[in-house]
Amino acid sequence: MVTPPAPARLERRAKAIAEALLKREEKLVLAESCTGGLAAGVLTEISGISEVFCGSFVTYREASKTGWIGVDAKVIARDSAVSRSVAEAMARGALKRTPEATLAASITGYLGPSGKNVGLVYVCVVRRGKKTAKFRKLELALVRGAPARARLIRRSFAIEALYQAILGELVAIPKSHSETGKRGTL
């Protein structure tokens, strides 16, 4: 039996993201597709998160990706909505439309319950002023049982991967601001 990350584990990851953003004096914006805003939902359970979290573009449909965050429809037609190129375009589009954010992360995938490529997920993290992007590709296993349960399990793993990618970016770089800057606590 596949066991998804427990809600408490996702909450701990979210709190670690919030603390790392606060310590580095950075702000995050998300662009979510397959998670339907749930990654943002977990983050917003943290008291004081508005200090470091700008919000989330929930772009479940292709038209939302093109209209709200500027993903090129030709890229979607060429590569599909679930691709590395679209994940990057989503993150860059969210960052462009959120001037106060310094970091953007996106997630797009097929979580089912049915269809082709169920379990395929792409995560992308971009930083303002940087041309490079960091990616994760997941191929989540099919889960037996009720379709709703299987989708919940895949969604939990997808959010876990998104949070890991964000934390990886925050921990992997030297602090960008001076150590004497104003700080608070979450």
N, C-alpha and C. Protein backbone atom coordinates (compact mmCIF):
# COMPACT_ATOMS: atom_id res chain seq x y z
N MET A 1 0.83 -1.17 0.00
CA MET A 1 0.00 0.00 0.00
C MET A 1 0.89 1.25 0.00
N VAL A 2 0.52 2.25 -0.80
CA VAL A 2 1.25 3.51 -0.88
C VAL A 2 0.73 4.45 0.19
N THR A 3 1.63 5.01 0.95
CA THR A 3 1.24 5.95 2.00
C THR A 3 1.72 7.34 1.63
N PRO A 4 0.81 8.29 1.47
CA PRO A 4 1.23 9.64 1.10
C PRO A 4 1.89 10.35 2.27
N PRO A 5 2.60 11.45 1.99
CA PRO A 5 3.15 12.24 3.08
C PRO A 5 2.01 12.69 4.00
N ALA A 6 2.19 12.52 5.28
CA ALA A 6 1.16 12.91 6.24
C ALA A 6 0.99 14.42 6.22
N PRO A 7 -0.24 14.88 6.51
CA PRO A 7 -0.45 16.33 6.55
C PRO A 7 0.53 17.05 7.46
N ALA A 8 0.88 16.44 8.58
CA ALA A 8 1.83 17.07 9.51
C ALA A 8 3.19 17.25 8.85
N ARG A 9 3.59 16.30 8.01
CA ARG A 9 4.87 16.40 7.32
C ARG A 9 4.84 17.56 6.31
N LEU A 10 3.74 17.69 5.58
CA LEU A 10 3.62 18.81 4.65
C LEU A 10 3.61 20.14 5.40
N GLU A 11 2.95 20.16 6.54
CA GLU A 11 2.93 21.38 7.36
C GLU A 11 4.34 21.74 7.86
N ARG A 12 5.13 20.74 8.25
CA ARG A 12 6.50 21.00 8.69
C ARG A 12 7.34 21.56 7.54
N ARG A 13 7.17 20.99 6.35
CA ARG A 13 7.90 21.50 5.17
C ARG A 13 7.49 22.94 4.88
N ALA A 14 6.20 23.20 4.95
CA ALA A 14 5.70 24.56 4.69
C ALA A 14 6.29 25.55 5.70
N LYS A 15 6.34 25.15 6.96
CA LYS A 15 6.92 26.03 7.99
C LYS A 15 8.41 26.25 7.73
N ALA A 16 9.12 25.22 7.29
CA ALA A 16 10.54 25.36 6.97
C ALA A 16 10.73 26.33 5.80
N ILE A 17 9.84 26.27 4.82
CA ILE A 17 9.90 27.23 3.70
C ILE A 17 9.69 28.64 4.22
N ALA A 18 8.67 28.82 5.04
CA ALA A 18 8.38 30.15 5.59
C ALA A 18 9.56 30.70 6.38
N GLU A 19 10.16 29.86 7.21
CA GLU A 19 11.30 30.30 8.02
C GLU A 19 12.50 30.65 7.15
N ALA A 20 12.76 29.84 6.12
CA ALA A 20 13.89 30.12 5.22
C ALA A 20 13.65 31.40 4.42
N LEU A 21 12.43 31.61 3.96
CA LEU A 21 12.11 32.85 3.25
C LEU A 21 12.30 34.06 4.16
N LEU A 22 11.83 33.96 5.39
CA LEU A 22 11.96 35.06 6.34
C LEU A 22 13.43 35.34 6.64
N LYS A 23 14.19 34.30 6.88
CA LYS A 23 15.61 34.46 7.20
C LYS A 23 16.35 35.13 6.05
N ARG A 24 15.99 34.78 4.82
CA ARG A 24 16.67 35.34 3.64
C ARG A 24 16.02 36.62 3.12
N GLU A 25 14.94 37.03 3.80
CA GLU A 25 14.21 38.23 3.39
C GLU A 25 13.75 38.12 1.94
N GLU A 26 13.16 36.98 1.62
CA GLU A 26 12.67 36.72 0.27
C GLU A 26 11.17 36.49 0.30
N LYS A 27 10.55 36.59 -0.89
CA LYS A 27 9.12 36.36 -1.01
C LYS A 27 8.86 35.39 -2.16
N LEU A 28 7.89 34.53 -1.94
CA LEU A 28 7.56 33.44 -2.85
C LEU A 28 6.20 33.65 -3.49
N VAL A 29 6.10 33.29 -4.76
CA VAL A 29 4.81 33.19 -5.45
C VAL A 29 4.76 31.81 -6.11
N LEU A 30 3.57 31.22 -6.15
CA LEU A 30 3.38 29.91 -6.77
C LEU A 30 2.51 30.03 -8.02
N ALA A 31 2.69 29.07 -8.93
CA ALA A 31 1.78 28.85 -10.05
C ALA A 31 1.44 27.36 -10.00
N GLU A 32 0.20 27.05 -9.67
CA GLU A 32 -0.21 25.66 -9.48
C GLU A 32 -1.21 25.25 -10.54
N SER A 33 -1.06 24.03 -11.01
CA SER A 33 -2.05 23.46 -11.92
C SER A 33 -2.67 22.23 -11.26
N CYS A 34 -1.97 21.12 -11.28
CA CYS A 34 -2.54 19.85 -10.82
C CYS A 34 -2.85 19.82 -9.33
N THR A 35 -2.25 20.68 -8.55
CA THR A 35 -2.52 20.70 -7.11
C THR A 35 -3.68 21.61 -6.75
N GLY A 36 -4.18 22.35 -7.72
CA GLY A 36 -5.40 23.12 -7.53
C GLY A 36 -5.40 24.11 -6.39
N GLY A 37 -4.26 24.65 -6.04
CA GLY A 37 -4.16 25.62 -4.95
C GLY A 37 -3.88 25.02 -3.58
N LEU A 38 -3.79 23.71 -3.51
CA LEU A 38 -3.58 23.08 -2.20
C LEU A 38 -2.20 23.35 -1.62
N ALA A 39 -1.19 23.52 -2.46
CA ALA A 39 0.15 23.85 -1.94
C ALA A 39 0.10 25.20 -1.23
N ALA A 40 -0.60 26.15 -1.83
CA ALA A 40 -0.78 27.46 -1.20
C ALA A 40 -1.62 27.34 0.06
N GLY A 41 -2.62 26.47 0.00
CA GLY A 41 -3.49 26.28 1.16
C GLY A 41 -2.74 25.83 2.39
N VAL A 42 -1.80 24.92 2.22
CA VAL A 42 -1.00 24.46 3.36
C VAL A 42 -0.13 25.61 3.89
N LEU A 43 0.47 26.36 2.98
CA LEU A 43 1.31 27.50 3.40
C LEU A 43 0.51 28.52 4.18
N THR A 44 -0.73 28.79 3.75
CA THR A 44 -1.51 29.84 4.40
C THR A 44 -2.05 29.45 5.77
N GLU A 45 -1.81 28.23 6.20
CA GLU A 45 -2.16 27.83 7.56
C GLU A 45 -1.14 28.33 8.57
N ILE A 46 0.00 28.84 8.09
CA ILE A 46 1.07 29.30 8.97
C ILE A 46 0.83 30.75 9.35
N SER A 47 0.81 31.03 10.63
CA SER A 47 0.63 32.39 11.13
C SER A 47 1.78 33.27 10.63
N GLY A 48 1.47 34.42 10.09
CA GLY A 48 2.48 35.36 9.63
C GLY A 48 3.01 35.09 8.23
N ILE A 49 2.45 34.12 7.52
CA ILE A 49 2.98 33.75 6.20
C ILE A 49 2.89 34.90 5.20
N SER A 50 1.99 35.84 5.40
CA SER A 50 1.85 36.93 4.43
C SER A 50 3.11 37.80 4.36
N GLU A 51 4.00 37.67 5.35
CA GLU A 51 5.28 38.38 5.30
C GLU A 51 6.16 37.91 4.15
N VAL A 52 5.99 36.62 3.76
CA VAL A 52 6.90 36.02 2.78
C VAL A 52 6.22 35.31 1.62
N PHE A 53 4.90 35.16 1.68
CA PHE A 53 4.17 34.45 0.63
C PHE A 53 3.22 35.42 -0.06
N CYS A 54 3.44 35.61 -1.35
CA CYS A 54 2.64 36.57 -2.12
C CYS A 54 1.31 36.00 -2.57
N GLY A 55 1.26 34.70 -2.83
CA GLY A 55 0.03 34.07 -3.29
C GLY A 55 0.31 33.00 -4.32
N SER A 56 -0.79 32.53 -4.95
CA SER A 56 -0.66 31.45 -5.92
C SER A 56 -1.62 31.69 -7.08
N PHE A 57 -1.11 31.52 -8.28
CA PHE A 57 -1.95 31.51 -9.47
C PHE A 57 -2.39 30.06 -9.67
N VAL A 58 -3.67 29.79 -9.57
CA VAL A 58 -4.17 28.43 -9.79
C VAL A 58 -4.66 28.37 -11.23
N THR A 59 -3.80 27.83 -12.07
CA THR A 59 -4.04 27.81 -13.52
C THR A 59 -4.29 26.38 -13.98
N TYR A 60 -5.43 25.86 -13.61
CA TYR A 60 -5.75 24.47 -13.89
C TYR A 60 -5.98 24.24 -15.39
N ARG A 61 -6.60 25.17 -16.04
CA ARG A 61 -6.90 25.05 -17.47
C ARG A 61 -5.81 25.71 -18.31
N GLU A 62 -5.67 25.25 -19.54
CA GLU A 62 -4.69 25.84 -20.46
C GLU A 62 -4.98 27.31 -20.69
N ALA A 63 -6.25 27.68 -20.82
CA ALA A 63 -6.62 29.08 -21.05
C ALA A 63 -6.18 29.96 -19.87
N SER A 64 -6.21 29.43 -18.66
CA SER A 64 -5.74 30.18 -17.49
C SER A 64 -4.23 30.35 -17.54
N LYS A 65 -3.54 29.33 -17.97
CA LYS A 65 -2.08 29.43 -18.08
C LYS A 65 -1.70 30.53 -19.07
N THR A 66 -2.38 30.58 -20.22
CA THR A 66 -2.04 31.59 -21.23
C THR A 66 -2.54 32.97 -20.83
N GLY A 67 -3.77 33.06 -20.33
CA GLY A 67 -4.37 34.35 -20.02
C GLY A 67 -3.87 35.00 -18.75
N TRP A 68 -3.66 34.22 -17.71
CA TRP A 68 -3.30 34.80 -16.42
C TRP A 68 -1.81 34.98 -16.23
N ILE A 69 -1.01 34.02 -16.69
CA ILE A 69 0.43 34.11 -16.42
C ILE A 69 1.28 34.11 -17.69
N GLY A 70 0.62 34.22 -18.84
CA GLY A 70 1.36 34.46 -20.08
C GLY A 70 2.09 33.27 -20.69
N VAL A 71 1.68 32.05 -20.37
CA VAL A 71 2.31 30.90 -21.02
C VAL A 71 1.91 30.94 -22.50
N ASP A 72 2.86 30.80 -23.38
CA ASP A 72 2.62 30.85 -24.81
C ASP A 72 1.81 29.63 -25.25
N ALA A 73 0.68 29.86 -25.88
CA ALA A 73 -0.19 28.76 -26.34
C ALA A 73 0.55 27.84 -27.31
N LYS A 74 1.50 28.38 -28.06
CA LYS A 74 2.28 27.56 -29.00
C LYS A 74 3.15 26.56 -28.25
N VAL A 75 3.66 26.96 -27.10
CA VAL A 75 4.48 26.05 -26.28
C VAL A 75 3.60 24.92 -25.75
N ILE A 76 2.40 25.25 -25.30
CA ILE A 76 1.47 24.22 -24.82
C ILE A 76 1.12 23.27 -25.96
N ALA A 77 0.82 23.82 -27.13
CA ALA A 77 0.46 22.98 -28.29
C ALA A 77 1.62 22.08 -28.70
N ARG A 78 2.83 22.60 -28.64
CA ARG A 78 4.00 21.83 -29.05
C ARG A 78 4.39 20.77 -28.02
N ASP A 79 4.42 21.16 -26.73
CA ASP A 79 4.99 20.29 -25.70
C ASP A 79 3.96 19.67 -24.76
N SER A 80 2.77 20.16 -24.72
CA SER A 80 1.65 19.80 -23.84
C SER A 80 1.71 20.66 -22.57
N ALA A 81 0.58 20.74 -21.90
CA ALA A 81 0.49 21.53 -20.67
C ALA A 81 1.32 20.93 -19.54
N VAL A 82 1.61 19.65 -19.66
CA VAL A 82 2.43 18.98 -18.66
C VAL A 82 3.79 18.69 -19.28
N SER A 83 4.68 19.69 -19.15
CA SER A 83 6.01 19.59 -19.74
C SER A 83 6.96 20.50 -18.97
N ARG A 84 8.22 20.25 -19.17
CA ARG A 84 9.26 21.07 -18.54
C ARG A 84 9.14 22.52 -18.99
N SER A 85 8.92 22.72 -20.29
CA SER A 85 8.85 24.08 -20.83
C SER A 85 7.66 24.85 -20.27
N VAL A 86 6.53 24.20 -20.11
CA VAL A 86 5.36 24.88 -19.55
C VAL A 86 5.57 25.15 -18.06
N ALA A 87 6.17 24.22 -17.32
CA ALA A 87 6.45 24.46 -15.90
C ALA A 87 7.34 25.70 -15.75
N GLU A 88 8.36 25.84 -16.60
CA GLU A 88 9.22 27.02 -16.52
C GLU A 88 8.46 28.28 -16.89
N ALA A 89 7.66 28.22 -17.94
CA ALA A 89 6.88 29.40 -18.35
C ALA A 89 5.90 29.82 -17.26
N MET A 90 5.31 28.85 -16.58
CA MET A 90 4.40 29.16 -15.48
C MET A 90 5.13 29.90 -14.36
N ALA A 91 6.29 29.39 -13.96
CA ALA A 91 7.05 30.02 -12.87
C ALA A 91 7.49 31.42 -13.27
N ARG A 92 8.02 31.55 -14.48
CA ARG A 92 8.48 32.88 -14.93
C ARG A 92 7.32 33.85 -15.07
N GLY A 93 6.18 33.37 -15.55
CA GLY A 93 5.01 34.23 -15.68
C GLY A 93 4.49 34.71 -14.34
N ALA A 94 4.46 33.82 -13.35
CA ALA A 94 4.02 34.20 -12.01
C ALA A 94 4.97 35.23 -11.41
N LEU A 95 6.27 35.03 -11.61
CA LEU A 95 7.27 35.96 -11.08
C LEU A 95 7.13 37.33 -11.75
N LYS A 96 6.91 37.33 -13.05
CA LYS A 96 6.76 38.59 -13.80
C LYS A 96 5.55 39.39 -13.31
N ARG A 97 4.49 38.69 -12.95
CA ARG A 97 3.25 39.35 -12.55
C ARG A 97 3.19 39.64 -11.05
N THR A 98 4.26 39.32 -10.33
CA THR A 98 4.30 39.55 -8.88
C THR A 98 5.61 40.26 -8.56
N PRO A 99 5.65 41.59 -8.73
CA PRO A 99 6.90 42.33 -8.59
C PRO A 99 7.61 42.18 -7.25
N GLU A 100 6.87 41.96 -6.16
CA GLU A 100 7.53 41.86 -4.85
C GLU A 100 8.16 40.49 -4.61
N ALA A 101 7.81 39.50 -5.41
CA ALA A 101 8.36 38.15 -5.22
C ALA A 101 9.79 38.08 -5.74
N THR A 102 10.62 37.33 -5.04
CA THR A 102 12.00 37.08 -5.46
C THR A 102 12.18 35.66 -5.98
N LEU A 103 11.20 34.80 -5.68
CA LEU A 103 11.28 33.39 -6.01
C LEU A 103 9.90 32.92 -6.47
N ALA A 104 9.87 32.09 -7.52
CA ALA A 104 8.61 31.52 -7.98
C ALA A 104 8.79 30.02 -8.17
N ALA A 105 7.73 29.30 -7.89
CA ALA A 105 7.73 27.85 -8.11
C ALA A 105 6.43 27.48 -8.80
N SER A 106 6.52 26.50 -9.68
CA SER A 106 5.32 26.05 -10.38
C SER A 106 5.24 24.53 -10.34
N ILE A 107 4.01 24.05 -10.56
CA ILE A 107 3.78 22.61 -10.64
C ILE A 107 2.67 22.36 -11.64
N THR A 108 2.92 21.41 -12.54
CA THR A 108 1.94 21.01 -13.53
C THR A 108 2.04 19.50 -13.70
N GLY A 109 0.91 18.84 -13.85
CA GLY A 109 0.95 17.39 -13.98
C GLY A 109 -0.39 16.78 -14.27
N TYR A 110 -0.36 15.49 -14.49
CA TYR A 110 -1.57 14.69 -14.66
C TYR A 110 -1.71 13.80 -13.43
N LEU A 111 -2.69 14.09 -12.61
CA LEU A 111 -2.87 13.30 -11.40
C LEU A 111 -4.03 12.34 -11.48
N GLY A 112 -4.71 12.31 -12.61
CA GLY A 112 -5.77 11.33 -12.81
C GLY A 112 -7.12 11.81 -12.34
N PRO A 113 -8.04 10.92 -12.20
CA PRO A 113 -7.87 9.51 -11.94
C PRO A 113 -7.57 8.66 -13.17
N SER A 114 -7.81 9.19 -14.36
CA SER A 114 -7.55 8.39 -15.55
C SER A 114 -6.97 9.29 -16.64
N GLY A 115 -6.60 8.68 -17.74
CA GLY A 115 -6.05 9.43 -18.86
C GLY A 115 -4.62 9.01 -19.14
N LYS A 116 -4.05 9.62 -20.16
CA LYS A 116 -2.67 9.26 -20.53
C LYS A 116 -1.69 10.00 -19.63
N ASN A 117 -0.60 9.35 -19.35
CA ASN A 117 0.49 9.92 -18.54
C ASN A 117 0.09 10.25 -17.10
N VAL A 118 -0.87 9.54 -16.54
CA VAL A 118 -1.26 9.78 -15.15
C VAL A 118 -0.04 9.56 -14.26
N GLY A 119 0.23 10.53 -13.41
CA GLY A 119 1.37 10.45 -12.50
C GLY A 119 2.56 11.28 -12.94
N LEU A 120 2.51 11.82 -14.17
CA LEU A 120 3.61 12.66 -14.66
C LEU A 120 3.45 14.07 -14.12
N VAL A 121 4.50 14.58 -13.47
CA VAL A 121 4.46 15.90 -12.84
C VAL A 121 5.79 16.61 -13.09
N TYR A 122 5.72 17.91 -13.37
CA TYR A 122 6.92 18.75 -13.48
C TYR A 122 6.83 19.87 -12.47
N VAL A 123 7.94 20.13 -11.81
CA VAL A 123 8.08 21.22 -10.85
C VAL A 123 9.22 22.11 -11.36
N CYS A 124 9.06 23.41 -11.23
CA CYS A 124 10.12 24.34 -11.63
C CYS A 124 10.24 25.44 -10.58
N VAL A 125 11.48 25.85 -10.30
CA VAL A 125 11.75 26.96 -9.38
C VAL A 125 12.66 27.94 -10.11
N VAL A 126 12.25 29.22 -10.11
CA VAL A 126 13.06 30.28 -10.72
C VAL A 126 13.24 31.41 -9.72
N ARG A 127 14.33 32.12 -9.90
CA ARG A 127 14.67 33.23 -9.03
C ARG A 127 14.75 34.50 -9.88
N ARG A 128 14.24 35.60 -9.33
CA ARG A 128 14.29 36.88 -10.05
C ARG A 128 15.74 37.24 -10.36
N GLY A 129 15.98 37.65 -11.60
CA GLY A 129 17.31 38.06 -12.02
C GLY A 129 18.21 36.92 -12.47
N LYS A 130 17.73 35.69 -12.41
CA LYS A 130 18.52 34.53 -12.83
C LYS A 130 17.91 33.92 -14.08
N LYS A 131 18.77 33.54 -15.03
CA LYS A 131 18.28 32.92 -16.26
C LYS A 131 18.06 31.42 -16.10
N THR A 132 18.72 30.83 -15.12
CA THR A 132 18.61 29.39 -14.94
C THR A 132 17.34 29.05 -14.16
N ALA A 133 16.89 27.84 -14.35
CA ALA A 133 15.73 27.32 -13.63
C ALA A 133 16.08 25.93 -13.11
N LYS A 134 15.46 25.55 -12.02
CA LYS A 134 15.68 24.21 -11.47
C LYS A 134 14.39 23.42 -11.66
N PHE A 135 14.56 22.16 -12.06
CA PHE A 135 13.42 21.32 -12.40
C PHE A 135 13.42 20.02 -11.62
N ARG A 136 12.23 19.47 -11.46
CA ARG A 136 12.05 18.11 -10.97
C ARG A 136 10.98 17.48 -11.84
N LYS A 137 11.23 16.27 -12.24
CA LYS A 137 10.24 15.49 -12.98
C LYS A 137 9.88 14.29 -12.12
N LEU A 138 8.60 14.08 -11.92
CA LEU A 138 8.14 12.95 -11.13
C LEU A 138 7.30 12.05 -12.01
N GLU A 139 7.42 10.79 -11.77
CA GLU A 139 6.54 9.81 -12.39
C GLU A 139 5.95 9.01 -11.24
N LEU A 140 4.84 9.52 -10.74
CA LEU A 140 4.21 8.94 -9.57
C LEU A 140 3.53 7.63 -9.93
N ALA A 141 3.71 6.64 -9.08
CA ALA A 141 3.16 5.31 -9.33
C ALA A 141 1.64 5.33 -9.32
N LEU A 142 1.08 4.44 -10.09
CA LEU A 142 -0.37 4.26 -10.04
C LEU A 142 -0.73 3.68 -8.68
N VAL A 143 -1.84 4.12 -8.18
CA VAL A 143 -2.28 3.71 -6.85
C VAL A 143 -3.59 2.95 -7.00
N ARG A 144 -3.67 1.80 -6.36
CA ARG A 144 -4.91 1.01 -6.41
C ARG A 144 -5.92 1.60 -5.43
N GLY A 145 -7.16 1.35 -5.74
CA GLY A 145 -8.21 1.79 -4.84
C GLY A 145 -9.10 2.82 -5.50
N ALA A 146 -9.89 3.47 -4.69
CA ALA A 146 -10.85 4.45 -5.19
C ALA A 146 -10.12 5.59 -5.91
N PRO A 147 -10.66 6.06 -7.04
CA PRO A 147 -10.01 7.13 -7.79
C PRO A 147 -9.73 8.39 -6.95
N ALA A 148 -10.67 8.76 -6.09
CA ALA A 148 -10.46 9.96 -5.27
C ALA A 148 -9.29 9.78 -4.32
N ARG A 149 -9.17 8.60 -3.74
CA ARG A 149 -8.05 8.33 -2.82
C ARG A 149 -6.73 8.34 -3.59
N ALA A 150 -6.71 7.71 -4.76
CA ALA A 150 -5.50 7.67 -5.57
C ALA A 150 -5.05 9.08 -5.95
N ARG A 151 -5.99 9.92 -6.33
CA ARG A 151 -5.67 11.31 -6.70
C ARG A 151 -5.12 12.08 -5.50
N LEU A 152 -5.72 11.89 -4.34
CA LEU A 152 -5.25 12.55 -3.11
C LEU A 152 -3.82 12.14 -2.80
N ILE A 153 -3.53 10.87 -2.93
CA ILE A 153 -2.17 10.39 -2.67
C ILE A 153 -1.18 11.01 -3.65
N ARG A 154 -1.52 11.00 -4.95
CA ARG A 154 -0.62 11.60 -5.94
C ARG A 154 -0.46 13.10 -5.69
N ARG A 155 -1.53 13.77 -5.33
CA ARG A 155 -1.46 15.22 -5.06
C ARG A 155 -0.55 15.49 -3.86
N SER A 156 -0.63 14.67 -2.82
CA SER A 156 0.23 14.85 -1.65
C SER A 156 1.70 14.70 -2.01
N PHE A 157 2.01 13.68 -2.83
CA PHE A 157 3.40 13.50 -3.27
C PHE A 157 3.85 14.67 -4.14
N ALA A 158 2.97 15.20 -4.98
CA ALA A 158 3.31 16.33 -5.84
C ALA A 158 3.63 17.57 -5.00
N ILE A 159 2.82 17.84 -3.99
CA ILE A 159 3.07 18.99 -3.10
C ILE A 159 4.38 18.80 -2.35
N GLU A 160 4.63 17.59 -1.89
CA GLU A 160 5.90 17.30 -1.20
C GLU A 160 7.08 17.61 -2.12
N ALA A 161 7.00 17.21 -3.39
CA ALA A 161 8.08 17.47 -4.34
C ALA A 161 8.25 18.96 -4.58
N LEU A 162 7.15 19.68 -4.68
CA LEU A 162 7.21 21.14 -4.86
C LEU A 162 7.90 21.79 -3.67
N TYR A 163 7.51 21.42 -2.47
CA TYR A 163 8.12 21.98 -1.26
C TYR A 163 9.61 21.64 -1.18
N GLN A 164 9.97 20.41 -1.52
CA GLN A 164 11.38 20.02 -1.51
C GLN A 164 12.19 20.87 -2.49
N ALA A 165 11.63 21.14 -3.66
CA ALA A 165 12.33 21.94 -4.66
C ALA A 165 12.53 23.37 -4.16
N ILE A 166 11.52 23.93 -3.54
CA ILE A 166 11.63 25.30 -3.00
C ILE A 166 12.68 25.33 -1.90
N LEU A 167 12.62 24.39 -0.97
CA LEU A 167 13.61 24.34 0.11
C LEU A 167 15.01 24.14 -0.44
N GLY A 168 15.14 23.29 -1.46
CA GLY A 168 16.44 23.07 -2.08
C GLY A 168 17.03 24.35 -2.63
N GLU A 169 16.19 25.17 -3.22
CA GLU A 169 16.66 26.45 -3.76
C GLU A 169 17.03 27.41 -2.64
N LEU A 170 16.25 27.45 -1.58
CA LEU A 170 16.52 28.37 -0.48
C LEU A 170 17.76 27.98 0.32
N VAL A 171 18.02 26.70 0.45
CA VAL A 171 19.15 26.24 1.25
C VAL A 171 20.43 26.22 0.42
N ALA A 172 20.31 26.05 -0.90
CA ALA A 172 21.48 25.85 -1.76
C ALA A 172 22.26 27.12 -2.07
N ILE A 173 21.69 28.29 -1.81
CA ILE A 173 22.37 29.52 -2.20
C ILE A 173 22.80 30.32 -0.97
N PRO A 174 23.84 31.12 -1.13
CA PRO A 174 24.22 31.98 -0.02
C PRO A 174 23.15 33.05 0.21
N LYS A 175 23.05 33.54 1.42
CA LYS A 175 22.09 34.57 1.75
C LYS A 175 22.35 35.79 0.88
N SER A 176 21.28 36.34 0.28
CA SER A 176 21.43 37.43 -0.66
C SER A 176 21.37 38.81 -0.01
N HIS A 177 20.89 38.90 1.20
CA HIS A 177 20.77 40.19 1.88
C HIS A 177 21.72 40.24 3.07
N SER A 178 21.95 41.45 3.55
CA SER A 178 22.89 41.59 4.67
C SER A 178 22.33 40.95 5.93
N GLU A 179 23.20 40.54 6.79
CA GLU A 179 22.80 39.91 8.04
C GLU A 179 22.19 40.90 9.02
N THR A 180 22.29 42.19 8.74
CA THR A 180 21.76 43.17 9.69
C THR A 180 20.35 43.61 9.36
N GLY A 181 19.73 42.99 8.36
CA GLY A 181 18.37 43.36 7.96
C GLY A 181 17.35 43.06 9.03
N LYS A 182 16.18 43.73 8.92
CA LYS A 182 15.09 43.53 9.87
C LYS A 182 14.54 42.11 9.73
N ARG A 183 14.28 41.47 10.83
CA ARG A 183 13.73 40.11 10.82
C ARG A 183 12.58 40.01 11.78
N GLY A 184 11.73 39.08 11.50
CA GLY A 184 10.63 38.78 12.39
C GLY A 184 10.61 37.29 12.63
N THR A 185 9.55 36.83 13.24
CA THR A 185 9.40 35.40 13.44
C THR A 185 8.03 34.99 12.92
N LEU A 186 7.94 33.75 12.56
CA LEU A 186 6.65 33.21 12.11
C LEU A 186 6.08 32.34 13.20
